Amino acid sequence: MSQSVPSHVFFIMVLLAGYLGWAAIGHCLTGEYPLFWMDRDIVGSTVLAAAYSAGFISMGPIGE
């Protein structure tokens, strides 16, 4: 049975959000971020880090 495109896009976004959650756990354990734009000290504010994260999740299916 084939999967519909919207469900494929949705689950790719879920997996990307899960990756960011896993990266946040890794930051708590190691003190290092896996991606530079997750570090609010580098990007300048928490709002920008959240915007980068939202862009990562929403634009992820485009690369698929």
N, C-alpha and C. Protein backbone atom coordinates (compact mmCIF):
# COMPACT_ATOMS: atom_id res chain seq x y z
N MET A 1 0.85 -1.17 0.00
CA MET A 1 0.00 0.00 0.00
C MET A 1 0.90 1.24 0.00
N SER A 2 0.62 2.18 -0.86
CA SER A 2 1.46 3.38 -0.95
C SER A 2 1.02 4.42 0.07
N GLN A 3 1.98 5.24 0.45
CA GLN A 3 1.71 6.31 1.42
C GLN A 3 1.37 7.59 0.66
N SER A 4 0.48 8.37 1.22
CA SER A 4 0.15 9.64 0.59
C SER A 4 1.25 10.66 0.88
N VAL A 5 1.36 11.63 0.03
CA VAL A 5 2.40 12.66 0.16
C VAL A 5 2.26 13.44 1.46
N PRO A 6 1.05 13.89 1.86
CA PRO A 6 0.97 14.64 3.12
C PRO A 6 1.42 13.83 4.34
N SER A 7 1.12 12.54 4.37
CA SER A 7 1.57 11.74 5.51
C SER A 7 3.08 11.57 5.49
N HIS A 8 3.66 11.45 4.32
CA HIS A 8 5.11 11.36 4.20
C HIS A 8 5.77 12.64 4.71
N VAL A 9 5.26 13.77 4.28
CA VAL A 9 5.80 15.06 4.72
C VAL A 9 5.65 15.23 6.23
N PHE A 10 4.49 14.86 6.75
CA PHE A 10 4.24 14.97 8.19
C PHE A 10 5.24 14.13 8.99
N PHE A 11 5.45 12.89 8.59
CA PHE A 11 6.35 12.03 9.36
C PHE A 11 7.81 12.42 9.20
N ILE A 12 8.19 12.98 8.07
CA ILE A 12 9.55 13.54 7.94
C ILE A 12 9.72 14.68 8.94
N MET A 13 8.70 15.53 9.07
CA MET A 13 8.76 16.65 10.01
C MET A 13 8.80 16.14 11.45
N VAL A 14 8.07 15.09 11.74
CA VAL A 14 8.10 14.50 13.08
C VAL A 14 9.50 13.97 13.39
N LEU A 15 10.12 13.30 12.43
CA LEU A 15 11.47 12.78 12.63
C LEU A 15 12.48 13.91 12.82
N LEU A 16 12.33 15.00 12.07
CA LEU A 16 13.23 16.14 12.25
C LEU A 16 13.05 16.79 13.61
N ALA A 17 11.80 16.90 14.07
CA ALA A 17 11.56 17.44 15.41
C ALA A 17 12.15 16.52 16.47
N GLY A 18 12.05 15.21 16.25
CA GLY A 18 12.66 14.26 17.16
C GLY A 18 14.17 14.40 17.20
N TYR A 19 14.77 14.67 16.04
CA TYR A 19 16.22 14.90 16.00
C TYR A 19 16.60 16.12 16.84
N LEU A 20 15.83 17.18 16.73
CA LEU A 20 16.13 18.38 17.53
C LEU A 20 15.97 18.10 19.02
N GLY A 21 14.97 17.29 19.36
CA GLY A 21 14.82 16.89 20.76
C GLY A 21 16.01 16.07 21.23
N TRP A 22 16.47 15.15 20.39
CA TRP A 22 17.64 14.34 20.71
C TRP A 22 18.88 15.23 20.83
N ALA A 23 18.99 16.23 19.99
CA ALA A 23 20.11 17.17 20.06
C ALA A 23 20.07 17.97 21.35
N ALA A 24 18.87 18.32 21.81
CA ALA A 24 18.74 19.05 23.08
C ALA A 24 19.16 18.18 24.26
N ILE A 25 18.81 16.90 24.20
CA ILE A 25 19.26 15.98 25.25
C ILE A 25 20.78 15.86 25.22
N GLY A 26 21.34 15.77 24.02
CA GLY A 26 22.79 15.70 23.89
C GLY A 26 23.47 16.94 24.44
N HIS A 27 22.84 18.10 24.24
CA HIS A 27 23.40 19.34 24.79
C HIS A 27 23.39 19.30 26.31
N CYS A 28 22.33 18.78 26.89
CA CYS A 28 22.27 18.68 28.36
C CYS A 28 23.36 17.75 28.90
N LEU A 29 23.69 16.71 28.15
CA LEU A 29 24.69 15.74 28.61
C LEU A 29 26.12 16.18 28.34
N THR A 30 26.35 16.86 27.21
CA THR A 30 27.72 17.19 26.83
C THR A 30 28.06 18.67 26.92
N GLY A 31 27.03 19.53 26.87
CA GLY A 31 27.27 20.96 26.90
C GLY A 31 27.58 21.55 25.54
N GLU A 32 27.54 20.74 24.49
CA GLU A 32 27.82 21.19 23.12
C GLU A 32 26.58 21.00 22.26
N TYR A 33 26.36 21.93 21.34
CA TYR A 33 25.26 21.80 20.39
C TYR A 33 25.79 21.13 19.11
N PRO A 34 25.00 20.25 18.49
CA PRO A 34 25.45 19.62 17.25
C PRO A 34 25.39 20.56 16.05
N LEU A 35 24.54 21.57 16.11
CA LEU A 35 24.39 22.52 15.02
C LEU A 35 24.57 23.93 15.59
N PHE A 36 25.35 24.76 14.90
CA PHE A 36 25.70 26.07 15.47
C PHE A 36 24.48 26.94 15.71
N TRP A 37 23.45 26.81 14.88
CA TRP A 37 22.29 27.69 15.00
C TRP A 37 21.39 27.31 16.18
N MET A 38 21.70 26.24 16.86
CA MET A 38 20.94 25.89 18.06
C MET A 38 21.47 26.62 19.29
N ASP A 39 22.66 27.18 19.21
CA ASP A 39 23.29 27.87 20.33
C ASP A 39 22.84 29.32 20.35
N ARG A 40 22.07 29.69 21.35
CA ARG A 40 21.54 31.06 21.40
C ARG A 40 22.63 32.09 21.63
N ASP A 41 23.77 31.69 22.19
CA ASP A 41 24.88 32.64 22.36
C ASP A 41 25.51 33.00 21.01
N ILE A 42 25.51 32.07 20.07
CA ILE A 42 26.09 32.33 18.75
C ILE A 42 25.13 33.12 17.88
N VAL A 43 23.83 32.72 17.87
CA VAL A 43 22.88 33.38 16.98
C VAL A 43 22.33 34.67 17.55
N GLY A 44 22.44 34.88 18.84
CA GLY A 44 22.05 36.16 19.41
C GLY A 44 20.84 36.16 20.31
N SER A 45 19.89 35.25 20.10
CA SER A 45 18.72 35.22 20.97
C SER A 45 18.03 33.87 20.88
N THR A 46 17.20 33.61 21.87
CA THR A 46 16.42 32.38 21.88
C THR A 46 15.39 32.37 20.76
N VAL A 47 14.86 33.54 20.44
CA VAL A 47 13.85 33.64 19.37
C VAL A 47 14.46 33.24 18.02
N LEU A 48 15.68 33.69 17.76
CA LEU A 48 16.34 33.32 16.50
C LEU A 48 16.65 31.82 16.46
N ALA A 49 17.07 31.26 17.57
CA ALA A 49 17.34 29.82 17.62
C ALA A 49 16.05 29.04 17.37
N ALA A 50 14.93 29.52 17.92
CA ALA A 50 13.64 28.87 17.67
C ALA A 50 13.21 29.02 16.22
N ALA A 51 13.48 30.17 15.63
CA ALA A 51 13.14 30.39 14.22
C ALA A 51 13.96 29.48 13.32
N TYR A 52 15.25 29.33 13.62
CA TYR A 52 16.08 28.42 12.85
C TYR A 52 15.58 26.98 12.98
N SER A 53 15.16 26.61 14.18
CA SER A 53 14.64 25.26 14.40
C SER A 53 13.35 25.04 13.62
N ALA A 54 12.48 26.03 13.63
CA ALA A 54 11.23 25.92 12.87
C ALA A 54 11.52 25.83 11.37
N GLY A 55 12.49 26.59 10.90
CA GLY A 55 12.87 26.51 9.49
C GLY A 55 13.47 25.15 9.14
N PHE A 56 14.26 24.59 10.05
CA PHE A 56 14.84 23.28 9.85
C PHE A 56 13.74 22.22 9.69
N ILE A 57 12.73 22.30 10.53
CA ILE A 57 11.65 21.32 10.49
C ILE A 57 10.77 21.53 9.25
N SER A 58 10.43 22.78 8.96
CA SER A 58 9.49 23.03 7.86
C SER A 58 10.15 22.86 6.49
N MET A 59 11.46 23.10 6.38
CA MET A 59 12.11 22.99 5.09
C MET A 59 12.75 21.62 4.88
N GLY A 60 12.76 20.80 5.90
CA GLY A 60 13.35 19.47 5.79
C GLY A 60 12.76 18.60 4.71
N PRO A 61 11.43 18.54 4.57
CA PRO A 61 10.86 17.69 3.52
C PRO A 61 11.22 18.13 2.10
N ILE A 62 11.66 19.37 1.92
CA ILE A 62 12.03 19.85 0.59
C ILE A 62 13.24 19.07 0.07
N GLY A 63 14.15 18.74 0.97
CA GLY A 63 15.35 18.01 0.58
C GLY A 63 15.10 16.54 0.32
N GLU A 64 13.96 16.07 0.65
CA GLU A 64 13.61 14.65 0.50
C GLU A 64 13.39 14.28 -0.92
